Every structure is written in structure tokens, then in C-alpha cells.
N, C-alpha and C. Protein backbone atom coordinates (compact mmCIF):
# COMPACT_ATOMS: atom_id res chain seq x y z
N UNK A 1 39.70 -27.13 -17.64
CA UNK A 1 41.00 -27.58 -17.17
C UNK A 1 41.63 -26.48 -16.33
N UNK A 2 42.28 -26.88 -15.27
CA UNK A 2 42.95 -25.95 -14.37
C UNK A 2 44.22 -25.41 -15.04
N UNK A 3 44.65 -24.25 -14.60
CA UNK A 3 45.89 -23.68 -15.12
C UNK A 3 46.97 -23.76 -14.05
N UNK A 4 48.21 -23.87 -14.51
CA UNK A 4 49.37 -23.88 -13.61
C UNK A 4 50.21 -22.65 -13.90
N UNK A 5 50.41 -21.84 -12.86
CA UNK A 5 51.26 -20.66 -12.95
C UNK A 5 52.45 -20.84 -12.03
N UNK A 6 53.63 -20.60 -12.57
CA UNK A 6 54.86 -20.65 -11.79
C UNK A 6 55.21 -19.22 -11.39
N UNK A 7 55.41 -19.01 -10.09
CA UNK A 7 55.84 -17.72 -9.58
C UNK A 7 57.24 -17.86 -9.01
N UNK A 8 58.15 -16.99 -9.45
CA UNK A 8 59.54 -17.11 -9.01
C UNK A 8 60.15 -15.74 -8.71
N UNK A 9 60.97 -15.71 -7.66
CA UNK A 9 61.91 -14.61 -7.46
C UNK A 9 63.14 -15.01 -8.26
N UNK A 10 63.62 -14.12 -9.11
CA UNK A 10 64.72 -14.47 -10.00
C UNK A 10 65.65 -13.27 -10.14
N UNK A 11 66.94 -13.55 -10.14
CA UNK A 11 67.92 -12.47 -10.33
C UNK A 11 68.05 -12.16 -11.81
N UNK A 12 68.68 -11.07 -12.11
CA UNK A 12 68.85 -10.66 -13.51
C UNK A 12 69.63 -11.70 -14.31
N UNK A 13 70.51 -12.45 -13.63
CA UNK A 13 71.26 -13.49 -14.33
C UNK A 13 70.59 -14.87 -14.22
N UNK A 14 69.32 -14.89 -13.83
CA UNK A 14 68.53 -16.11 -13.89
C UNK A 14 68.58 -17.01 -12.68
N UNK A 15 69.25 -16.58 -11.61
CA UNK A 15 69.37 -17.41 -10.41
C UNK A 15 68.07 -17.37 -9.60
N UNK A 16 67.62 -18.55 -9.18
CA UNK A 16 66.45 -18.66 -8.31
C UNK A 16 66.82 -19.28 -6.96
N UNK A 17 68.01 -19.79 -6.85
CA UNK A 17 68.46 -20.45 -5.63
C UNK A 17 68.68 -19.45 -4.50
N UNK A 18 68.30 -19.84 -3.30
CA UNK A 18 68.55 -19.09 -2.06
C UNK A 18 68.14 -17.62 -2.14
N UNK A 19 66.89 -17.34 -2.53
CA UNK A 19 66.49 -15.94 -2.62
C UNK A 19 66.56 -15.22 -1.27
N UNK A 20 66.54 -15.98 -0.17
CA UNK A 20 66.65 -15.33 1.14
C UNK A 20 67.98 -14.58 1.30
N UNK A 21 68.96 -14.87 0.44
CA UNK A 21 70.26 -14.21 0.51
C UNK A 21 70.31 -12.92 -0.30
N UNK A 22 69.35 -12.69 -1.22
CA UNK A 22 69.45 -11.52 -2.09
C UNK A 22 68.11 -10.83 -2.36
N UNK A 23 67.02 -11.45 -2.05
CA UNK A 23 65.70 -10.95 -2.40
C UNK A 23 65.13 -9.90 -1.43
N UNK A 24 65.38 -10.05 -0.14
CA UNK A 24 64.70 -9.26 0.88
C UNK A 24 64.85 -7.74 0.74
N UNK A 25 65.99 -7.20 0.32
CA UNK A 25 66.08 -5.74 0.20
C UNK A 25 65.09 -5.14 -0.82
N UNK A 26 64.51 -5.97 -1.66
CA UNK A 26 63.60 -5.49 -2.70
C UNK A 26 62.12 -5.63 -2.35
N UNK A 27 61.84 -6.27 -1.22
CA UNK A 27 60.45 -6.50 -0.84
C UNK A 27 59.80 -5.18 -0.43
N UNK A 28 58.67 -4.88 -1.06
CA UNK A 28 57.91 -3.68 -0.73
C UNK A 28 56.44 -3.96 -1.02
N UNK A 29 55.60 -2.97 -0.83
CA UNK A 29 54.16 -3.17 -1.01
C UNK A 29 53.81 -3.53 -2.46
N UNK A 30 54.52 -2.95 -3.42
CA UNK A 30 54.25 -3.30 -4.83
C UNK A 30 54.48 -4.78 -5.07
N UNK A 31 55.59 -5.30 -4.54
CA UNK A 31 55.90 -6.71 -4.74
C UNK A 31 54.87 -7.59 -4.03
N UNK A 32 54.52 -7.24 -2.80
CA UNK A 32 53.55 -8.05 -2.07
C UNK A 32 52.20 -8.07 -2.79
N UNK A 33 51.80 -6.95 -3.35
CA UNK A 33 50.56 -6.91 -4.12
C UNK A 33 50.63 -7.81 -5.33
N UNK A 34 51.78 -7.83 -5.99
CA UNK A 34 51.94 -8.68 -7.17
C UNK A 34 51.92 -10.16 -6.79
N UNK A 35 52.56 -10.49 -5.68
CA UNK A 35 52.63 -11.89 -5.25
C UNK A 35 51.24 -12.45 -5.00
N UNK A 36 50.39 -11.65 -4.37
CA UNK A 36 49.08 -12.15 -3.97
C UNK A 36 47.96 -11.65 -4.88
N UNK A 37 48.30 -11.16 -6.07
CA UNK A 37 47.28 -10.62 -6.97
C UNK A 37 46.51 -11.69 -7.72
N UNK A 38 47.04 -12.87 -7.82
CA UNK A 38 46.44 -13.94 -8.61
C UNK A 38 46.25 -15.17 -7.73
N UNK A 39 45.25 -15.16 -6.84
CA UNK A 39 45.14 -16.26 -5.88
C UNK A 39 44.85 -17.60 -6.56
N UNK A 40 45.45 -18.62 -6.00
CA UNK A 40 45.24 -19.98 -6.49
C UNK A 40 44.54 -20.77 -5.39
N UNK A 41 43.82 -21.81 -5.77
CA UNK A 41 43.21 -22.63 -4.72
C UNK A 41 44.09 -23.82 -4.35
N UNK A 42 45.19 -24.00 -5.11
CA UNK A 42 46.13 -25.08 -4.82
C UNK A 42 47.56 -24.58 -4.99
N UNK A 43 48.41 -24.88 -4.01
CA UNK A 43 49.84 -24.65 -4.14
C UNK A 43 50.49 -26.00 -4.40
N UNK A 44 51.22 -26.11 -5.48
CA UNK A 44 51.95 -27.33 -5.81
C UNK A 44 53.41 -27.05 -5.49
N UNK A 45 53.97 -27.84 -4.56
CA UNK A 45 55.29 -27.54 -4.03
C UNK A 45 56.18 -28.77 -4.01
N UNK A 46 57.46 -28.56 -4.25
CA UNK A 46 58.45 -29.60 -4.01
C UNK A 46 58.73 -29.67 -2.52
N UNK A 47 59.43 -30.73 -2.12
CA UNK A 47 59.68 -30.97 -0.69
C UNK A 47 60.42 -29.82 -0.02
N UNK A 48 61.50 -29.34 -0.61
CA UNK A 48 62.31 -28.30 0.03
C UNK A 48 61.49 -27.03 0.22
N UNK A 49 60.77 -26.61 -0.79
CA UNK A 49 59.94 -25.41 -0.67
C UNK A 49 58.82 -25.63 0.34
N UNK A 50 58.21 -26.81 0.30
CA UNK A 50 57.16 -27.12 1.28
C UNK A 50 57.69 -26.97 2.70
N UNK A 51 58.83 -27.59 2.99
CA UNK A 51 59.36 -27.54 4.35
C UNK A 51 59.70 -26.11 4.76
N UNK A 52 60.24 -25.33 3.85
CA UNK A 52 60.55 -23.93 4.15
C UNK A 52 59.28 -23.13 4.41
N UNK A 53 58.28 -23.28 3.54
CA UNK A 53 57.02 -22.55 3.69
C UNK A 53 56.26 -22.99 4.95
N UNK A 54 56.24 -24.28 5.22
CA UNK A 54 55.53 -24.77 6.40
C UNK A 54 56.15 -24.17 7.66
N UNK A 55 57.48 -24.10 7.69
CA UNK A 55 58.16 -23.51 8.83
C UNK A 55 57.87 -22.03 8.99
N UNK A 56 57.66 -21.34 7.89
CA UNK A 56 57.45 -19.89 7.94
C UNK A 56 55.99 -19.50 8.11
N UNK A 57 55.06 -20.26 7.54
CA UNK A 57 53.67 -19.79 7.45
C UNK A 57 52.65 -20.61 8.23
N UNK A 58 52.94 -21.86 8.55
CA UNK A 58 51.93 -22.75 9.12
C UNK A 58 51.31 -22.23 10.41
N UNK A 59 52.06 -21.52 11.21
CA UNK A 59 51.55 -21.05 12.49
C UNK A 59 51.02 -19.63 12.46
N UNK A 60 50.99 -19.01 11.28
CA UNK A 60 50.42 -17.67 11.17
C UNK A 60 48.90 -17.75 11.12
N UNK A 61 48.26 -16.74 11.65
CA UNK A 61 46.80 -16.70 11.68
C UNK A 61 46.23 -16.57 10.27
N UNK A 62 45.04 -17.08 10.08
CA UNK A 62 44.39 -17.01 8.77
C UNK A 62 44.07 -15.57 8.36
N UNK A 63 44.00 -14.65 9.33
CA UNK A 63 43.74 -13.25 8.96
C UNK A 63 45.04 -12.46 8.79
N UNK A 64 46.19 -13.12 8.94
CA UNK A 64 47.47 -12.48 8.68
C UNK A 64 47.58 -12.21 7.19
N UNK A 65 48.08 -11.02 6.78
CA UNK A 65 48.11 -10.70 5.34
C UNK A 65 48.98 -11.64 4.51
N UNK A 66 49.93 -12.30 5.12
CA UNK A 66 50.75 -13.28 4.39
C UNK A 66 50.31 -14.70 4.75
N UNK A 67 50.07 -14.93 6.03
CA UNK A 67 49.69 -16.26 6.48
C UNK A 67 48.41 -16.76 5.86
N UNK A 68 47.41 -15.89 5.76
CA UNK A 68 46.13 -16.30 5.19
C UNK A 68 46.25 -16.83 3.77
N UNK A 69 46.84 -16.05 2.86
CA UNK A 69 46.95 -16.54 1.48
C UNK A 69 47.83 -17.79 1.33
N UNK A 70 48.72 -18.02 2.29
CA UNK A 70 49.56 -19.21 2.22
C UNK A 70 48.88 -20.42 2.87
N UNK A 71 48.06 -20.18 3.89
CA UNK A 71 47.42 -21.28 4.61
C UNK A 71 46.12 -21.75 3.98
N UNK A 72 45.38 -20.86 3.34
CA UNK A 72 44.06 -21.22 2.80
C UNK A 72 44.12 -22.25 1.67
N UNK A 73 44.99 -22.09 0.68
CA UNK A 73 44.97 -23.05 -0.42
C UNK A 73 45.36 -24.46 0.02
N UNK A 74 44.89 -25.44 -0.73
CA UNK A 74 45.38 -26.79 -0.53
C UNK A 74 46.84 -26.82 -0.96
N UNK A 75 47.66 -27.53 -0.21
CA UNK A 75 49.06 -27.71 -0.58
C UNK A 75 49.23 -29.15 -1.06
N UNK A 76 49.69 -29.33 -2.29
CA UNK A 76 49.98 -30.64 -2.85
C UNK A 76 51.50 -30.71 -2.99
N UNK A 77 52.09 -31.71 -2.35
CA UNK A 77 53.54 -31.77 -2.21
C UNK A 77 54.10 -32.95 -2.99
N UNK A 78 55.14 -32.66 -3.78
CA UNK A 78 55.86 -33.69 -4.52
C UNK A 78 57.09 -34.06 -3.71
N UNK A 79 57.14 -35.31 -3.26
CA UNK A 79 58.27 -35.75 -2.44
C UNK A 79 58.41 -37.25 -2.50
N UNK A 80 59.65 -37.71 -2.57
CA UNK A 80 59.93 -39.14 -2.48
C UNK A 80 60.28 -39.53 -1.04
N UNK A 81 60.60 -38.53 -0.20
CA UNK A 81 61.10 -38.85 1.14
C UNK A 81 60.09 -38.58 2.27
N UNK A 82 59.13 -37.71 2.05
CA UNK A 82 58.15 -37.43 3.10
C UNK A 82 57.03 -38.47 3.08
N UNK A 83 56.60 -38.87 4.26
CA UNK A 83 55.46 -39.79 4.34
C UNK A 83 54.26 -39.16 5.01
N UNK A 84 54.47 -38.03 5.69
CA UNK A 84 53.37 -37.32 6.31
C UNK A 84 53.67 -35.82 6.27
N UNK A 85 52.60 -35.03 6.35
CA UNK A 85 52.73 -33.58 6.26
C UNK A 85 52.00 -32.95 7.45
N UNK A 86 52.66 -32.01 8.11
CA UNK A 86 52.09 -31.39 9.31
C UNK A 86 51.29 -30.13 9.00
N UNK A 87 51.63 -29.42 7.93
CA UNK A 87 50.95 -28.16 7.62
C UNK A 87 49.52 -28.47 7.21
N UNK A 88 48.58 -27.80 7.84
CA UNK A 88 47.17 -28.09 7.58
C UNK A 88 46.85 -27.92 6.08
N UNK A 89 45.87 -28.70 5.66
CA UNK A 89 45.39 -28.62 4.28
C UNK A 89 46.48 -29.02 3.28
N UNK A 90 47.31 -29.99 3.67
CA UNK A 90 48.40 -30.46 2.80
C UNK A 90 48.23 -31.95 2.54
N UNK A 91 48.64 -32.35 1.34
CA UNK A 91 48.64 -33.78 1.01
C UNK A 91 49.78 -34.05 0.04
N UNK A 92 50.22 -35.29 0.03
CA UNK A 92 51.27 -35.71 -0.90
C UNK A 92 50.67 -36.03 -2.26
N UNK A 93 51.38 -35.67 -3.31
CA UNK A 93 50.99 -36.11 -4.65
C UNK A 93 51.15 -37.62 -4.68
N UNK A 94 50.19 -38.35 -5.21
CA UNK A 94 50.32 -39.82 -5.22
C UNK A 94 51.60 -40.27 -5.92
N UNK A 95 52.11 -41.41 -5.48
CA UNK A 95 53.32 -41.98 -6.09
C UNK A 95 53.10 -42.20 -7.58
N UNK A 96 54.19 -42.17 -8.30
CA UNK A 96 54.15 -42.41 -9.74
C UNK A 96 54.91 -41.32 -10.47
N UNK A 97 54.81 -41.35 -11.77
CA UNK A 97 55.46 -40.36 -12.61
C UNK A 97 54.91 -38.97 -12.28
N UNK A 98 55.79 -38.05 -11.90
CA UNK A 98 55.36 -36.72 -11.46
C UNK A 98 54.56 -36.01 -12.55
N UNK A 99 55.05 -36.05 -13.79
CA UNK A 99 54.34 -35.34 -14.86
C UNK A 99 52.93 -35.91 -15.05
N UNK A 100 52.79 -37.22 -14.99
CA UNK A 100 51.47 -37.84 -15.14
C UNK A 100 50.56 -37.45 -13.99
N UNK A 101 51.08 -37.49 -12.78
CA UNK A 101 50.27 -37.15 -11.60
C UNK A 101 49.85 -35.68 -11.62
N UNK A 102 50.75 -34.80 -12.05
CA UNK A 102 50.40 -33.37 -12.12
C UNK A 102 49.40 -33.14 -13.25
N UNK A 103 49.56 -33.84 -14.35
CA UNK A 103 48.57 -33.73 -15.44
C UNK A 103 47.20 -34.17 -14.94
N UNK A 104 47.14 -35.22 -14.12
CA UNK A 104 45.87 -35.65 -13.52
C UNK A 104 45.30 -34.57 -12.61
N UNK A 105 46.15 -33.96 -11.80
CA UNK A 105 45.72 -32.88 -10.91
C UNK A 105 45.18 -31.71 -11.72
N UNK A 106 45.87 -31.37 -12.77
CA UNK A 106 45.47 -30.25 -13.64
C UNK A 106 44.12 -30.55 -14.32
N UNK A 107 43.89 -31.78 -14.69
CA UNK A 107 42.65 -32.16 -15.37
C UNK A 107 41.47 -32.31 -14.42
N UNK A 108 41.75 -32.36 -13.13
CA UNK A 108 40.71 -32.57 -12.14
C UNK A 108 39.96 -31.30 -11.79
N UNK A 109 39.06 -31.41 -10.83
CA UNK A 109 38.26 -30.24 -10.43
C UNK A 109 39.09 -29.25 -9.62
N UNK A 110 38.65 -28.00 -9.66
CA UNK A 110 39.31 -26.97 -8.87
C UNK A 110 39.70 -25.78 -9.71
N UNK A 111 40.31 -24.82 -9.04
CA UNK A 111 40.73 -23.59 -9.68
C UNK A 111 42.22 -23.60 -9.99
N UNK A 112 42.78 -22.41 -10.14
CA UNK A 112 44.18 -22.29 -10.53
C UNK A 112 45.15 -22.95 -9.55
N UNK A 113 46.25 -23.43 -10.10
CA UNK A 113 47.33 -24.06 -9.34
C UNK A 113 48.54 -23.15 -9.45
N UNK A 114 49.20 -22.92 -8.33
CA UNK A 114 50.40 -22.08 -8.29
C UNK A 114 51.58 -22.91 -7.83
N UNK A 115 52.72 -22.72 -8.49
CA UNK A 115 53.98 -23.36 -8.09
C UNK A 115 54.95 -22.23 -7.77
N UNK A 116 55.52 -22.29 -6.57
CA UNK A 116 56.50 -21.29 -6.16
C UNK A 116 57.77 -22.01 -5.75
N UNK A 117 58.93 -21.41 -6.07
CA UNK A 117 60.18 -22.09 -5.75
C UNK A 117 60.22 -23.40 -6.50
N UNK A 118 60.60 -24.49 -5.81
CA UNK A 118 60.45 -25.85 -6.34
C UNK A 118 61.08 -25.99 -7.73
N UNK A 119 62.33 -25.58 -7.86
CA UNK A 119 62.99 -25.52 -9.16
C UNK A 119 63.00 -26.86 -9.89
N UNK A 120 63.31 -27.94 -9.20
CA UNK A 120 63.33 -29.26 -9.85
C UNK A 120 61.95 -29.59 -10.40
N UNK A 121 60.92 -29.34 -9.61
CA UNK A 121 59.55 -29.58 -10.05
C UNK A 121 59.20 -28.71 -11.25
N UNK A 122 59.54 -27.45 -11.20
CA UNK A 122 59.25 -26.54 -12.32
C UNK A 122 59.92 -27.03 -13.59
N UNK A 123 61.15 -27.44 -13.50
CA UNK A 123 61.86 -27.95 -14.68
C UNK A 123 61.16 -29.19 -15.24
N UNK A 124 60.71 -30.08 -14.36
CA UNK A 124 59.98 -31.27 -14.80
C UNK A 124 58.70 -30.88 -15.53
N UNK A 125 57.99 -29.92 -14.96
CA UNK A 125 56.72 -29.49 -15.57
C UNK A 125 56.94 -28.75 -16.88
N UNK A 126 58.02 -27.98 -16.99
CA UNK A 126 58.34 -27.33 -18.27
C UNK A 126 58.62 -28.37 -19.35
N UNK A 127 59.43 -29.39 -19.00
CA UNK A 127 59.74 -30.44 -19.97
C UNK A 127 58.47 -31.17 -20.41
N UNK A 128 57.50 -31.31 -19.50
CA UNK A 128 56.27 -32.03 -19.82
C UNK A 128 55.21 -31.14 -20.47
N UNK A 129 55.49 -29.85 -20.60
CA UNK A 129 54.53 -28.94 -21.23
C UNK A 129 53.29 -28.68 -20.38
N UNK A 130 53.43 -28.72 -19.06
CA UNK A 130 52.27 -28.58 -18.18
C UNK A 130 52.10 -27.18 -17.59
N UNK A 131 53.03 -26.29 -17.83
CA UNK A 131 52.95 -24.94 -17.27
C UNK A 131 52.24 -24.02 -18.26
N UNK A 132 51.29 -23.26 -17.75
CA UNK A 132 50.53 -22.33 -18.58
C UNK A 132 51.07 -20.91 -18.54
N UNK A 133 51.68 -20.54 -17.41
CA UNK A 133 52.08 -19.14 -17.24
C UNK A 133 53.29 -19.06 -16.30
N UNK A 134 54.18 -18.12 -16.60
CA UNK A 134 55.30 -17.79 -15.72
C UNK A 134 55.07 -16.38 -15.19
N UNK A 135 55.17 -16.23 -13.88
CA UNK A 135 55.05 -14.93 -13.22
C UNK A 135 56.39 -14.69 -12.53
N UNK A 136 57.24 -13.89 -13.17
CA UNK A 136 58.62 -13.71 -12.72
C UNK A 136 58.83 -12.34 -12.10
N UNK A 137 59.33 -12.33 -10.88
CA UNK A 137 59.73 -11.09 -10.22
C UNK A 137 61.24 -11.00 -10.37
N UNK A 138 61.65 -10.25 -11.39
CA UNK A 138 63.06 -10.19 -11.77
C UNK A 138 63.73 -9.04 -11.01
N UNK A 139 64.71 -9.42 -10.19
CA UNK A 139 65.39 -8.48 -9.30
C UNK A 139 66.62 -7.88 -9.98
N UNK A 140 66.88 -6.59 -9.76
CA UNK A 140 68.03 -5.94 -10.40
C UNK A 140 69.33 -6.24 -9.65
N UNK A 141 69.69 -7.51 -9.67
CA UNK A 141 70.92 -7.95 -9.03
C UNK A 141 71.49 -9.12 -9.82
N UNK A 142 72.80 -9.14 -9.96
CA UNK A 142 73.49 -10.28 -10.55
C UNK A 142 74.05 -11.08 -9.38
N UNK A 143 73.53 -12.27 -9.17
CA UNK A 143 73.94 -13.10 -8.04
C UNK A 143 75.26 -13.81 -8.37
N UNK A 144 75.43 -14.19 -9.61
CA UNK A 144 76.69 -14.77 -10.05
C UNK A 144 76.74 -16.28 -10.04
N UNK A 145 76.28 -16.90 -8.97
CA UNK A 145 76.33 -18.36 -8.88
C UNK A 145 75.05 -18.85 -8.23
N UNK A 146 74.65 -20.03 -8.63
CA UNK A 146 73.45 -20.64 -8.05
C UNK A 146 72.61 -21.28 -9.13
N UNK A 147 71.65 -22.04 -8.70
CA UNK A 147 70.76 -22.72 -9.62
C UNK A 147 69.91 -21.71 -10.37
N UNK A 148 69.88 -21.89 -11.67
CA UNK A 148 69.09 -21.01 -12.52
C UNK A 148 67.76 -21.70 -12.84
N UNK A 149 66.77 -20.90 -13.15
CA UNK A 149 65.44 -21.44 -13.42
C UNK A 149 65.46 -22.37 -14.62
N UNK A 150 66.10 -21.96 -15.68
CA UNK A 150 66.07 -22.74 -16.92
C UNK A 150 67.37 -23.54 -17.05
N UNK A 151 67.21 -24.82 -17.36
CA UNK A 151 68.34 -25.73 -17.50
C UNK A 151 69.16 -25.40 -18.75
N UNK A 152 70.46 -25.68 -18.68
CA UNK A 152 71.32 -25.49 -19.85
C UNK A 152 70.84 -26.35 -21.02
N UNK A 153 70.43 -27.57 -20.74
CA UNK A 153 69.99 -28.49 -21.79
C UNK A 153 68.49 -28.70 -21.77
N UNK A 154 67.77 -27.73 -21.23
CA UNK A 154 66.32 -27.84 -21.12
C UNK A 154 65.64 -27.61 -22.45
N UNK A 155 64.33 -27.77 -22.45
CA UNK A 155 63.57 -27.61 -23.69
C UNK A 155 63.47 -26.15 -24.11
N UNK A 156 63.28 -25.95 -25.39
CA UNK A 156 62.95 -24.61 -25.87
C UNK A 156 61.50 -24.35 -25.50
N UNK A 157 61.24 -23.20 -24.89
CA UNK A 157 59.90 -22.87 -24.45
C UNK A 157 59.52 -21.52 -25.04
N UNK A 158 58.48 -21.50 -25.84
CA UNK A 158 58.00 -20.24 -26.44
C UNK A 158 57.13 -19.53 -25.42
N UNK A 159 57.37 -18.23 -25.27
CA UNK A 159 56.66 -17.42 -24.31
C UNK A 159 56.07 -16.20 -24.99
N UNK A 160 54.91 -15.78 -24.50
CA UNK A 160 54.29 -14.54 -24.97
C UNK A 160 54.12 -13.63 -23.77
N UNK A 161 54.71 -12.45 -23.83
CA UNK A 161 54.61 -11.50 -22.73
C UNK A 161 53.17 -11.03 -22.61
N UNK A 162 52.58 -11.21 -21.44
CA UNK A 162 51.22 -10.74 -21.17
C UNK A 162 51.22 -9.41 -20.44
N UNK A 163 52.24 -9.22 -19.59
CA UNK A 163 52.23 -8.04 -18.74
C UNK A 163 53.64 -7.79 -18.21
N UNK A 164 54.01 -6.52 -18.07
CA UNK A 164 55.29 -6.17 -17.47
C UNK A 164 55.11 -4.90 -16.66
N UNK A 165 55.33 -5.01 -15.36
CA UNK A 165 55.26 -3.85 -14.47
C UNK A 165 56.65 -3.60 -13.90
N UNK A 166 57.01 -2.34 -13.78
CA UNK A 166 58.28 -1.95 -13.18
C UNK A 166 57.97 -1.31 -11.84
N UNK A 167 58.59 -1.85 -10.78
CA UNK A 167 58.37 -1.34 -9.44
C UNK A 167 59.42 -0.29 -9.10
N UNK A 168 59.12 0.54 -8.12
CA UNK A 168 60.05 1.58 -7.68
C UNK A 168 61.38 1.00 -7.23
N UNK A 169 61.37 -0.24 -6.74
CA UNK A 169 62.59 -0.91 -6.27
C UNK A 169 63.51 -1.32 -7.42
N UNK A 170 63.01 -1.27 -8.65
CA UNK A 170 63.76 -1.74 -9.81
C UNK A 170 63.40 -3.15 -10.21
N UNK A 171 62.61 -3.83 -9.39
CA UNK A 171 62.13 -5.18 -9.73
C UNK A 171 61.10 -5.05 -10.86
N UNK A 172 61.16 -5.96 -11.80
CA UNK A 172 60.11 -6.02 -12.81
C UNK A 172 59.28 -7.27 -12.58
N UNK A 173 57.99 -7.13 -12.76
CA UNK A 173 57.07 -8.27 -12.68
C UNK A 173 56.65 -8.57 -14.10
N UNK A 174 57.17 -9.66 -14.63
CA UNK A 174 56.89 -10.06 -16.00
C UNK A 174 56.04 -11.32 -15.98
N UNK A 175 54.92 -11.27 -16.67
CA UNK A 175 54.03 -12.42 -16.77
C UNK A 175 54.01 -12.90 -18.22
N UNK A 176 54.31 -14.17 -18.39
CA UNK A 176 54.37 -14.77 -19.73
C UNK A 176 53.40 -15.93 -19.85
N UNK A 177 52.70 -15.99 -20.96
CA UNK A 177 51.92 -17.17 -21.32
C UNK A 177 52.89 -18.14 -21.96
N UNK A 178 52.79 -19.41 -21.59
CA UNK A 178 53.66 -20.43 -22.15
C UNK A 178 52.98 -21.06 -23.35
N UNK A 179 53.74 -21.20 -24.44
CA UNK A 179 53.21 -21.83 -25.64
C UNK A 179 52.79 -20.87 -26.69
């Protein structure tokens, strides 16, 4: 069975919304190494994250240090509004219950699946018990307002810390096994 790992940029107060407003001052080689240290053969993305990533990465060369790792994997997109996808190697998740369709994807052939951003999708997958690992890049900033990763009325999720690295920037990379 394939594994699903969620990777998130997150503030100290749990905000994941609009990282482009607070995340960039912390980007360095340590963070980039962490982001691309666990390659997946499939990126599972919600519509908003897909559109943002497609705009940023689709036209980068495959030998680009960021473009390559973003362009090579298959992109599976969860969307009720999109009917076609322009970014190469992308397809829509079939219509139906998202948790059921992702469970089918997870049970199918292939390697690891990565989910980045896509907060609504991540919350759905947490409620359905489909996430195997959280890879959190926790930034030393209190954003104050914005969507947080975990819902106020969300499920209780037991986590086991697998790894914690502290970067020179003050960002911590915490990896948790779910369950």
C-alpha cells in the first residue's frame, strides 16, 4: 500500500494560509534539502494549490533544481470546478467521495504520495484516517490570523515524532507518524 505524507509550511501558531506572506525570509538550503529529501511519485493537490503550483513550476525545465522535482511526479488534482488540466502529467481525481477516491489511489500501484498545501483536502484526509505522515516545517513566527492546519472541531489525531531537525533560520522540520 502506498503512503501519504503531508508537507506543510506552518507558523508557530499553526497558520498555513498564505505562506507567501511570511515564509520566504526563512527559505535556505537546509529547508530546500528537507523539502526534496523524500521524493514522491505522485503529488495529490487541491485546486487552489494546483493552480498556484502550475503557475510557478509548469514552465521550469526538468533539470531545474525546483522545477524537476515538481514536474516529474504525476499530479492528481481534487477539484469540483476544473474540467481540464494544463500542467503536464496531471489528471483529475475521479468524481465521487474524495476520501473513497483517495483510498483507492492509495491502494493502487505506485510509490509514495505527497500532499502539499491543500488545507481542505488535508483536513478531509485526516478525518478519513488516510494520512500516514506529517512533515511540518514550523516557522518561528506568529502570524496571528489565517487558516490553521488543524480544525477547531477536527478529529483527535495521535502522532509519534519520528524526526526533528532545527535549522539555522530557526525553522524546525518535524516529521510525525500518524496513528
